[in-house]
């Protein structure tokens, strides 16, 4: 599985019955509680945002991300809680508000005008920072305070929200709560948890065109929480926004399966095996017009019964996968061929491609005997990223991993279950960027693709993990590099 990160294009926190704009605040303060006149702001707040999906859509159009071999493309909204790294439970914030616990947040789609999908409510982020005008000498302008839209009432200078605050939490008004599209709900037991909303169906609907004219989403407490009365305190939870100066900028994480596990060098009798076809134009991966089909042919040139016209799928850009059913009833080792046909590129027909593989005994893929298998210690060489290299955030790198037996310069190993993960460091804390991901295996190399375009400039580390003989060995900080901005 690989990931793509899509970041916010705009965001804002709106406050009940207030014209305050906080669009450029690095933190969103979602609060509820006391409406005492001496405590400002009060009531409750809601967070709104929109996503820049252009890079995700570009990768899909290029076939880098494809659901051809799987429909498992998952989209998760992630926002970091400002108290996630601190022991601040059951305390007060700097604004003397209590930290909220035991509550639910909803993720909802910004409603259409008259609930008509052809009439979206466009809105602007605004330039405000403070939640209140802190200047008491009114001859001086507080440049961090703004009442310009968007806010509780207005979405632009000339347009108001159809319903102040986007919807009415008492189920009255032009847009009652019951008419909202609730994308997901998340429970917070302690109040220091990070946001992880499932947006899979919502984003897939936008990508395939079944959901149109979406102008963003909102995050709010459930109406039952917003409508609590008799409270003498204000309760609050905070998350970093897109204007944070930290590494914790919020994003949409898209995970997709582009794993290549080529069995051409270890094709065993009696089990399913995977084979791949790779296409390049001057070294750049290219896509066929349609998926080819595959025939499996024996040494005499005869098609194996039941193995003609096997369907294929596109795993990623320029890579096509076929799952070959178990071959039985043949002596091993024996040479077979996989014929890829029905290839067309830009309207031109390409002759069939014939590749060879050796059918090996079933026992070649397993170990049977009286002795246990000793765990292995591995060594690695890399190419594609240099140690301590400074990489522009416009690069896409193919990182090759040469896996060897430790203390040996020659003995390369095949069919190793190897994984990598990417993270940055904050002091002694490792902040995960990409969780453990299996490394691609082809007949001639192990590799993974690292796309810097959706990564925040920082110093990054890559760990390698290998599983063998029941052991899991992690090799720390194998690669260290920096991603830098272009100007």
Protein backbone atom coordinates (compact mmCIF):
# COMPACT_ATOMS: atom_id res chain seq x y z
CA UNK A 1 0.00 0.00 0.00
CA UNK A 2 1.18 3.50 -0.83
CA UNK A 3 -0.26 6.84 0.21
CA UNK A 4 -1.00 10.25 -1.28
CA UNK A 5 -1.50 13.32 0.90
CA UNK A 6 -3.96 16.06 -0.13
CA UNK A 7 -3.82 19.28 1.87
CA UNK A 8 -6.40 21.93 2.71
CA UNK A 9 -6.96 24.74 0.22
CA UNK A 10 -8.75 26.90 2.83
CA UNK A 11 -10.19 26.66 6.32
CA UNK A 12 -11.91 28.78 8.95
CA UNK A 13 -13.46 28.54 12.40
CA UNK A 14 -16.86 30.22 12.73
CA UNK A 15 -18.38 31.21 16.06
CA UNK A 16 -22.08 31.10 16.89
CA UNK A 17 -23.80 34.47 16.37
CA UNK A 18 -20.47 36.24 15.78
CA UNK A 19 -18.96 38.01 12.78
CA UNK A 20 -15.43 37.07 13.89
CA UNK A 21 -13.19 35.51 11.25
CA UNK A 22 -10.27 33.28 12.26
CA UNK A 23 -9.32 31.91 8.85
CA UNK A 24 -5.57 32.35 9.32
CA UNK A 25 -5.32 31.09 12.89
CA UNK A 26 -2.83 28.20 13.14
CA UNK A 27 -5.20 26.40 15.52
CA UNK A 28 -8.93 25.74 15.39
CA UNK A 29 -10.60 25.97 18.79
CA UNK A 30 -13.79 23.90 18.82
CA UNK A 31 -15.63 24.87 21.98
CA UNK A 32 -19.07 24.77 23.62
CA UNK A 33 -20.50 25.81 26.95
CA UNK A 34 -21.13 28.97 28.94
CA UNK A 35 -22.86 31.92 27.30
CA UNK A 36 -21.94 34.31 30.09
CA UNK A 37 -21.53 37.87 28.88
CA UNK A 38 -18.18 38.12 30.67
CA UNK A 39 -16.70 35.20 28.78
CA UNK A 40 -15.90 35.80 25.10
CA UNK A 41 -16.12 34.09 22.75
CA UNK A 42 -18.90 31.89 24.03
CA UNK A 43 -21.57 29.57 22.74
CA UNK A 44 -19.98 27.12 20.33
CA UNK A 45 -17.82 27.05 17.18
CA UNK A 46 -17.56 25.03 13.98
CA UNK A 47 -14.62 24.38 11.68
CA UNK A 48 -14.96 24.49 7.88
CA UNK A 49 -12.41 23.51 5.24
CA UNK A 50 -11.91 22.50 1.63
CA UNK A 51 -9.39 20.13 0.03
CA UNK A 52 -7.01 20.49 -2.89
CA UNK A 53 -7.46 17.18 -4.74
CA UNK A 54 -5.50 18.19 -7.86
CA UNK A 55 -2.45 15.97 -7.21
CA UNK A 56 -4.67 13.00 -6.35
CA UNK A 57 -6.68 13.49 -9.54
CA UNK A 58 -3.48 13.85 -11.57
CA UNK A 59 -2.12 10.55 -10.24
CA UNK A 60 -5.40 8.81 -11.06
CA UNK A 61 -5.50 10.21 -14.60
CA UNK A 62 -1.90 9.04 -15.16
CA UNK A 63 -2.64 5.56 -13.85
CA UNK A 64 -0.19 5.91 -10.95
CA UNK A 65 -3.18 5.31 -8.68
CA UNK A 66 -5.54 2.76 -10.14
CA UNK A 67 -8.30 0.53 -8.84
CA UNK A 68 -7.80 -1.87 -11.75
CA UNK A 69 -6.45 -4.65 -9.53
CA UNK A 70 -8.37 -3.66 -6.39
CA UNK A 71 -11.15 -1.33 -5.33
CA UNK A 72 -9.44 -0.74 -2.01
CA UNK A 73 -8.70 3.01 -2.16
CA UNK A 74 -9.26 4.47 1.31
CA UNK A 75 -9.41 8.18 2.19
CA UNK A 76 -8.90 9.33 5.79
CA UNK A 77 -9.02 12.93 7.04
CA UNK A 78 -6.26 13.47 9.60
CA UNK A 79 -5.85 16.44 11.95
CA UNK A 80 -3.44 16.55 14.90
CA UNK A 81 -4.71 17.46 18.36
CA UNK A 82 -2.58 20.23 19.91
CA UNK A 83 -2.52 18.34 23.22
CA UNK A 84 -1.64 14.97 21.66
CA UNK A 85 1.99 15.21 22.78
CA UNK A 86 1.29 16.72 26.20
CA UNK A 87 -0.19 15.49 29.45
CA UNK A 88 -2.83 18.20 29.68
CA UNK A 89 -5.94 16.18 30.41
CA UNK A 90 -8.47 17.71 32.79
CA UNK A 91 -6.67 21.07 32.76
CA UNK A 92 -7.44 24.48 31.29
CA UNK A 93 -6.18 26.05 28.10
CA UNK A 94 -4.43 29.42 27.96
CA UNK A 95 -7.90 30.95 27.44
CA UNK A 96 -8.98 29.35 30.77
CA UNK A 97 -11.36 26.96 29.04
CA UNK A 98 -11.59 23.38 30.28
CA UNK A 99 -10.34 20.69 27.93
CA UNK A 100 -13.31 18.81 26.54
CA UNK A 101 -13.64 15.07 27.14
CA UNK A 102 -16.23 12.41 26.28
CA UNK A 103 -17.77 13.96 23.16
CA UNK A 104 -18.53 13.21 19.52
CA UNK A 105 -17.50 15.28 16.51
CA UNK A 106 -19.32 15.06 13.19
CA UNK A 107 -17.88 15.57 9.72
CA UNK A 108 -20.53 17.02 7.40
CA UNK A 109 -20.65 18.26 3.83
CA UNK A 110 -21.28 22.00 3.40
CA UNK A 111 -24.93 22.04 2.29
CA UNK A 112 -26.13 23.29 -1.09
CA UNK A 113 -28.51 26.22 -1.54
CA UNK A 114 -32.04 24.85 -1.26
CA UNK A 115 -30.33 21.46 -0.90
CA UNK A 116 -29.90 21.61 -4.70
CA UNK A 117 -26.58 20.03 -5.86
CA UNK A 118 -26.45 22.48 -8.76
CA UNK A 119 -26.29 25.45 -6.35
CA UNK A 120 -23.10 25.20 -4.25
CA UNK A 121 -22.30 27.68 -1.49
CA UNK A 122 -18.89 29.13 -2.41
CA UNK A 123 -17.00 30.77 0.45
CA UNK A 124 -13.77 32.59 1.28
CA UNK A 125 -11.28 31.82 4.02
CA UNK A 126 -10.76 35.35 5.34
CA UNK A 127 -7.72 37.02 6.92
CA UNK A 128 -8.62 36.98 10.63
CA UNK A 129 -6.45 35.46 13.34
CA UNK A 130 -7.78 36.38 16.82
CA UNK A 131 -11.08 35.13 18.22
CA UNK A 132 -11.72 38.51 19.82
CA UNK A 133 -10.77 42.16 19.29
CA UNK A 134 -8.07 42.59 21.93
CA UNK A 135 -7.47 46.31 21.36
CA UNK A 136 -9.19 48.48 23.92
CA UNK A 137 -7.92 51.76 22.56
CA UNK A 138 -10.13 51.99 19.50
CA UNK A 139 -7.86 54.54 17.86
CA UNK A 140 -5.55 51.58 17.21
CA UNK A 141 -6.42 48.83 14.76
CA UNK A 142 -6.00 45.21 15.81
CA UNK A 143 -4.77 43.76 12.55
CA UNK A 144 -5.16 40.22 13.85
CA UNK A 145 -8.90 40.65 14.31
CA UNK A 146 -11.26 40.65 11.34
CA UNK A 147 -14.98 40.53 10.69
CA UNK A 148 -14.58 39.98 6.98
CA UNK A 149 -16.20 36.81 5.60
CA UNK A 150 -16.36 34.05 5.99
CA UNK A 151 -17.99 34.02 9.41
CA UNK A 152 -21.16 32.80 11.09
CA UNK A 153 -23.38 34.87 8.83
CA UNK A 154 -21.49 35.58 5.61
CA UNK A 155 -19.63 33.35 3.20
CA UNK A 156 -18.36 36.16 0.94
CA UNK A 157 -18.59 39.95 1.03
CA UNK A 158 -21.91 39.96 -0.86
CA UNK A 159 -23.30 36.50 -0.06
CA UNK A 160 -24.57 35.07 3.22
CA UNK A 161 -24.85 31.44 4.17
CA UNK A 162 -28.35 30.25 3.40
CA UNK A 163 -28.58 29.33 7.08
CA UNK A 164 -26.33 31.20 9.59
CA UNK A 165 -23.71 28.75 10.80
CA UNK A 166 -24.51 26.50 7.77
CA UNK A 167 -27.29 24.60 9.58
CA UNK A 168 -29.67 24.84 12.52
CA UNK A 169 -28.89 22.42 15.34
CA UNK A 170 -32.47 22.47 16.66
CA UNK A 171 -33.77 20.98 13.39
CA UNK A 172 -35.49 24.25 12.48
CA UNK A 173 -34.54 26.95 10.00
CA UNK A 174 -33.91 26.78 6.26
CA UNK A 175 -31.32 24.01 6.63
CA UNK A 176 -32.12 21.79 9.62
CA UNK A 177 -29.52 19.45 11.05
CA UNK A 178 -31.48 16.44 9.78
CA UNK A 179 -30.88 17.52 6.17
CA UNK A 180 -27.07 17.45 6.47
CA UNK A 181 -24.95 14.82 4.77
CA UNK A 182 -23.00 13.37 7.71
CA UNK A 183 -19.84 11.85 6.27
CA UNK A 184 -18.53 10.35 9.51
CA UNK A 185 -18.71 10.61 13.31
CA UNK A 186 -15.82 10.14 15.71
CA UNK A 187 -15.93 9.63 19.46
CA UNK A 188 -13.30 11.27 21.68
CA UNK A 189 -12.97 9.57 25.06
CA UNK A 190 -10.18 11.68 26.55
CA UNK A 191 -10.15 14.70 24.26
CA UNK A 192 -6.49 14.38 23.26
CA UNK A 193 -7.12 12.03 20.32
CA UNK A 194 -6.31 13.02 16.75
CA UNK A 195 -9.00 13.34 14.10
CA UNK A 196 -9.27 10.33 11.77
CA UNK A 197 -12.52 10.68 9.80
CA UNK A 198 -13.29 8.09 7.12
CA UNK A 199 -14.02 9.98 3.87
CA UNK A 200 -13.71 6.99 1.52
CA UNK A 201 -17.21 7.03 0.03
CA UNK A 202 -17.31 10.84 -0.08
CA UNK A 203 -14.00 11.30 -1.94
CA UNK A 204 -14.54 8.33 -4.25
CA UNK A 205 -17.90 9.85 -5.17
CA UNK A 206 -16.20 13.14 -6.06
CA UNK A 207 -13.51 11.34 -8.07
CA UNK A 208 -15.99 9.28 -10.08
CA UNK A 209 -18.40 12.18 -10.59
CA UNK A 210 -21.39 10.85 -8.66
CA UNK A 211 -20.96 13.67 -6.11
CA UNK A 212 -20.54 17.14 -7.64
CA UNK A 213 -20.18 20.80 -6.69
CA UNK A 214 -18.84 20.15 -3.21
CA UNK A 215 -17.39 23.35 -1.70
CA UNK A 216 -15.99 21.78 1.44
CA UNK A 217 -16.86 20.17 4.73
CA UNK A 218 -17.40 21.13 8.34
CA UNK A 219 -16.50 19.66 11.72
CA UNK A 220 -18.70 20.31 14.74
CA UNK A 221 -19.91 18.87 18.00
CA UNK A 222 -23.11 16.88 17.83
CA UNK A 223 -26.21 19.08 18.34
CA UNK A 224 -26.83 17.47 21.73
CA UNK A 225 -23.49 18.90 22.87
CA UNK A 226 -23.92 22.32 21.26
CA UNK A 227 -27.36 22.65 22.89
CA UNK A 228 -26.29 21.83 26.44
CA UNK A 229 -27.60 24.46 28.89
CA UNK A 230 -26.74 25.52 32.41
CA UNK A 231 -23.00 25.19 31.92
CA UNK A 232 -20.80 27.61 33.86
CA UNK A 233 -17.60 26.71 31.98
CA UNK A 234 -16.54 26.59 28.36
CA UNK A 235 -15.07 23.31 27.06
CA UNK A 236 -12.66 23.12 24.19
CA UNK A 237 -10.57 20.88 21.94
CA UNK A 238 -7.91 22.23 19.56
CA UNK A 239 -6.43 20.99 16.30
CA UNK A 240 -3.73 22.37 14.03
CA UNK A 241 -4.99 24.07 10.86
CA UNK A 242 -3.35 24.56 7.48
CA UNK A 243 -1.64 27.73 8.76
CA UNK A 244 0.33 25.95 11.47
CA UNK A 245 4.05 26.64 11.58
CA UNK A 246 4.64 23.08 12.78
CA UNK A 247 4.92 19.82 10.83
CA UNK A 248 1.34 18.91 11.77
CA UNK A 249 -0.54 20.42 8.84
CA UNK A 250 -3.90 18.61 8.37
CA UNK A 251 -4.39 16.45 5.29
CA UNK A 252 -6.44 13.81 3.53
CA UNK A 253 -4.55 10.51 3.43
CA UNK A 254 -5.34 8.32 0.42
CA UNK A 255 -4.01 4.77 0.69
CA UNK A 256 -4.01 2.53 -2.37
CA UNK A 257 -2.57 -0.83 -3.35
CA UNK A 258 0.24 -0.58 -5.91
CA UNK A 259 2.30 -3.48 -4.54
CA UNK A 260 4.22 -5.55 -7.11
CA UNK A 261 5.11 -9.12 -6.09
CA UNK A 262 6.54 -10.78 -9.20
CA UNK A 263 6.91 -14.57 -9.00
CA UNK A 264 8.79 -14.97 -12.29
CA UNK A 265 11.95 -16.10 -10.47
CA UNK A 266 10.10 -18.34 -8.01
CA UNK A 267 7.11 -19.68 -9.98
CA UNK A 268 6.03 -22.81 -8.08
CA UNK A 269 3.82 -25.69 -9.10
CA UNK A 270 0.55 -26.20 -7.24
CA UNK A 271 -0.14 -22.58 -6.21
CA UNK A 272 -1.24 -19.27 -7.65
CA UNK A 273 1.55 -17.10 -8.99
CA UNK A 274 1.70 -13.49 -10.18
CA UNK A 275 3.42 -12.26 -13.34
CA UNK A 276 3.83 -8.70 -14.58
CA UNK A 277 4.35 -6.79 -17.81
CA UNK A 278 6.28 -3.50 -17.61
CA UNK A 279 6.02 -0.84 -20.34
CA UNK A 280 8.33 2.13 -20.78
CA UNK A 281 8.86 4.86 -23.34
CA UNK A 282 12.44 6.16 -23.12
CA UNK A 283 12.53 5.07 -19.51
CA UNK A 284 9.15 6.58 -18.58
CA UNK A 285 6.24 4.26 -17.71
CA UNK A 286 3.35 4.32 -20.19
CA UNK A 287 -0.17 2.89 -20.19
CA UNK A 288 -1.82 0.73 -22.82
CA UNK A 289 -5.18 1.70 -24.29
CA UNK A 290 -6.80 -1.43 -22.79
CA UNK A 291 -5.72 -4.26 -20.54
CA UNK A 292 -4.11 -7.18 -22.40
CA UNK A 293 -4.85 -10.87 -21.89
CA UNK A 294 -2.39 -13.69 -21.21
CA UNK A 295 -1.93 -17.24 -22.48
CA UNK A 296 0.27 -19.76 -20.62
CA UNK A 297 2.17 -21.96 -23.04
CA UNK A 298 4.16 -25.14 -22.36
CA UNK A 299 7.57 -26.05 -23.73
CA UNK A 300 6.01 -27.59 -26.85
CA UNK A 301 4.17 -24.40 -27.73
CA UNK A 302 0.76 -25.65 -26.61
CA UNK A 303 -1.59 -23.53 -24.51
CA UNK A 304 -2.25 -25.14 -21.15
CA UNK A 305 -5.95 -26.08 -20.95
CA UNK A 306 -7.97 -23.40 -19.18
CA UNK A 307 -5.15 -20.87 -19.33
CA UNK A 308 -5.94 -18.92 -22.46
CA UNK A 309 -7.10 -15.32 -22.44
CA UNK A 310 -6.50 -14.85 -18.70
CA UNK A 311 -7.64 -11.36 -17.75
CA UNK A 312 -5.14 -8.84 -16.43
CA UNK A 313 -5.37 -5.63 -14.45
CA UNK A 314 -3.32 -2.44 -14.23
CA UNK A 315 -1.45 -2.32 -10.93
CA UNK A 316 0.09 1.13 -11.42
CA UNK A 317 1.38 3.30 -14.26
CA UNK A 318 2.91 1.08 -16.93
CA UNK A 319 2.56 -2.13 -14.90
CA UNK A 320 0.05 -4.90 -15.67
CA UNK A 321 -0.59 -7.92 -13.47
CA UNK A 322 -1.89 -11.40 -14.20
CA UNK A 323 -2.71 -14.01 -11.57
CA UNK A 324 -1.91 -17.42 -13.00
CA UNK A 325 -4.00 -20.29 -11.56
CA UNK A 326 -2.15 -23.21 -10.02
CA UNK A 327 -0.35 -25.36 -12.58
CA UNK A 328 -0.34 -29.09 -11.74
CA UNK A 329 0.54 -32.36 -13.46
CA UNK A 330 3.90 -31.33 -14.91
CA UNK A 331 7.42 -32.44 -14.11
CA UNK A 332 9.65 -29.83 -12.58
CA UNK A 333 11.73 -27.91 -13.30
CA UNK A 334 10.18 -27.07 -16.64
CA UNK A 335 10.14 -23.95 -18.82
CA UNK A 336 6.83 -22.26 -19.70
CA UNK A 337 5.95 -19.02 -21.45
CA UNK A 338 3.47 -16.26 -20.75
CA UNK A 339 2.16 -14.59 -23.91
CA UNK A 340 0.68 -11.13 -23.51
CA UNK A 341 -1.62 -10.19 -26.39
CA UNK A 342 -4.26 -7.64 -27.26
CA UNK A 343 -1.79 -4.80 -26.74
CA UNK A 344 -2.69 -1.40 -28.20
CA UNK A 345 -0.95 1.91 -27.57
CA UNK A 346 -2.43 5.20 -28.82
CA UNK A 347 -4.52 3.25 -31.30
CA UNK A 348 -1.60 1.19 -32.67
CA UNK A 349 -1.51 -2.59 -32.32
CA UNK A 350 1.60 -4.09 -30.69
CA UNK A 351 2.55 -7.70 -31.52
CA UNK A 352 2.19 -10.21 -28.67
CA UNK A 353 4.98 -10.25 -26.09
CA UNK A 354 6.40 -13.65 -25.11
CA UNK A 355 8.24 -14.09 -21.80
CA UNK A 356 9.62 -17.22 -20.12
CA UNK A 357 9.50 -18.57 -16.58
CA UNK A 358 10.60 -21.81 -14.96
CA UNK A 359 8.04 -23.94 -13.14
CA UNK A 360 9.71 -25.06 -9.94
CA UNK A 361 8.86 -27.79 -7.40
CA UNK A 362 6.38 -26.86 -4.71
CA UNK A 363 8.98 -27.55 -2.05
CA UNK A 364 11.22 -24.83 -3.50
CA UNK A 365 9.01 -22.25 -1.80
CA UNK A 366 8.87 -24.00 1.58
CA UNK A 367 11.34 -25.59 3.99
CA UNK A 368 10.68 -29.06 5.35
CA UNK A 369 13.10 -30.99 7.52
CA UNK A 370 14.27 -31.90 10.99
CA UNK A 371 16.08 -28.66 11.70
CA UNK A 372 14.65 -25.21 12.29
CA UNK A 373 15.60 -22.38 10.00
CA UNK A 374 18.02 -19.92 11.51
CA UNK A 375 17.00 -16.26 11.44
CA UNK A 376 18.91 -14.22 8.93
CA UNK A 377 20.69 -10.93 9.40
CA UNK A 378 20.47 -8.63 6.41
CA UNK A 379 22.52 -5.89 4.89
CA UNK A 380 21.28 -3.26 2.47
CA UNK A 381 22.50 -1.01 -0.28
CA UNK A 382 20.39 1.77 -1.77
CA UNK A 383 20.15 3.82 -4.91
CA UNK A 384 17.79 6.62 -5.90
CA UNK A 385 18.30 8.73 -2.75
CA UNK A 386 21.71 9.58 -1.37
CA UNK A 387 22.44 9.72 2.33
CA UNK A 388 21.88 13.29 3.63
CA UNK A 389 20.75 14.44 0.18
CA UNK A 390 18.67 17.61 -0.22
CA UNK A 391 15.73 16.81 -2.51
CA UNK A 392 13.43 19.33 -4.16
CA UNK A 393 9.76 18.93 -3.33
CA UNK A 394 9.01 18.44 -7.03
CA UNK A 395 10.92 15.14 -7.34
CA UNK A 396 9.63 11.59 -7.73
CA UNK A 397 12.35 9.10 -6.80
CA UNK A 398 12.58 5.38 -7.46
CA UNK A 399 14.46 4.01 -4.46
CA UNK A 400 16.14 0.66 -5.07
CA UNK A 401 16.91 -1.61 -2.12
CA UNK A 402 19.61 -4.24 -2.61
CA UNK A 403 19.01 -6.93 0.02
CA UNK A 404 22.01 -9.08 0.89
CA UNK A 405 23.08 -11.54 3.50
CA UNK A 406 24.86 -9.57 6.19
CA UNK A 407 28.64 -9.44 6.07
CA UNK A 408 28.54 -10.54 2.43
CA UNK A 409 29.08 -8.33 -0.61
CA UNK A 410 27.84 -10.87 -3.16
CA UNK A 411 25.03 -13.04 -1.82
CA UNK A 412 21.81 -11.33 -2.95
CA UNK A 413 18.58 -12.74 -1.55
CA UNK A 414 15.31 -13.46 -3.36
CA UNK A 415 11.72 -13.46 -2.10
CA UNK A 416 12.38 -11.55 1.10
CA UNK A 417 9.43 -9.96 2.89
CA UNK A 418 10.85 -6.46 3.30
CA UNK A 419 9.03 -3.29 4.36
CA UNK A 420 9.86 0.39 4.69
CA UNK A 421 8.42 3.27 6.68
CA UNK A 422 8.98 7.03 6.51
CA UNK A 423 8.99 9.46 9.44
CA UNK A 424 10.36 12.72 10.77
CA UNK A 425 11.75 13.37 14.25
CA UNK A 426 10.54 15.87 16.83
CA UNK A 427 13.11 15.57 19.62
CA UNK A 428 12.90 11.94 20.72
CA UNK A 429 9.51 11.44 19.09
CA UNK A 430 9.18 9.76 15.69
CA UNK A 431 6.27 11.31 13.77
CA UNK A 432 5.00 8.83 11.23
CA UNK A 433 4.60 9.98 7.62
CA UNK A 434 4.04 6.56 6.03
CA UNK A 435 3.40 3.37 7.97
CA UNK A 436 5.14 0.08 7.19
CA UNK A 437 4.70 -0.60 3.48
CA UNK A 438 5.84 -3.69 1.62
CA UNK A 439 8.68 -3.11 -0.86
CA UNK A 440 7.97 -4.01 -4.50
CA UNK A 441 9.63 -7.19 -5.79
CA UNK A 442 10.43 -7.67 -9.49
CA UNK A 443 12.64 -10.30 -11.20
CA UNK A 444 15.65 -8.00 -11.01
CA UNK A 445 15.19 -5.64 -8.04
CA UNK A 446 13.41 -4.51 -4.90
CA UNK A 447 12.22 -0.91 -4.97
CA UNK A 448 9.63 1.64 -3.89
CA UNK A 449 8.53 4.97 -5.29
CA UNK A 450 8.92 8.06 -3.11
CA UNK A 451 6.94 11.11 -4.25
CA UNK A 452 8.08 14.34 -2.61
CA UNK A 453 5.28 16.49 -4.08
CA UNK A 454 2.90 15.79 -1.20
CA UNK A 455 5.51 15.93 1.55
CA UNK A 456 6.14 18.92 3.86
CA UNK A 457 9.75 20.19 3.71
CA UNK A 458 11.63 18.61 6.60
CA UNK A 459 14.32 16.08 7.44
CA UNK A 460 13.07 12.54 6.78
CA UNK A 461 14.19 9.08 7.86
CA UNK A 462 13.48 5.66 6.34
CA UNK A 463 13.55 2.41 8.33
CA UNK A 464 13.67 -1.06 6.81
CA UNK A 465 11.97 -4.11 8.36
CA UNK A 466 12.48 -7.75 7.35
CA UNK A 467 10.40 -10.74 8.44
CA UNK A 468 12.02 -14.20 8.44
CA UNK A 469 11.90 -17.40 10.51
CA UNK A 470 9.27 -15.92 12.81
CA UNK A 471 11.47 -12.92 13.60
CA UNK A 472 10.86 -9.29 12.74
CA UNK A 473 14.04 -7.25 12.54
CA UNK A 474 13.97 -3.48 12.14
CA UNK A 475 16.95 -1.62 10.74
CA UNK A 476 16.73 1.97 11.96
CA UNK A 477 17.47 5.14 9.98
CA UNK A 478 18.83 3.42 6.93
CA UNK A 479 18.31 6.56 4.84
CA UNK A 480 18.30 10.18 6.01
CA UNK A 481 17.52 13.06 3.66
CA UNK A 482 15.88 16.48 3.49
CA UNK A 483 13.03 17.75 1.35
CA UNK A 484 13.43 21.44 0.52
CA UNK A 485 11.10 24.00 -1.07
CA UNK A 486 11.54 25.39 -4.56
CA UNK A 487 11.13 29.13 -5.11
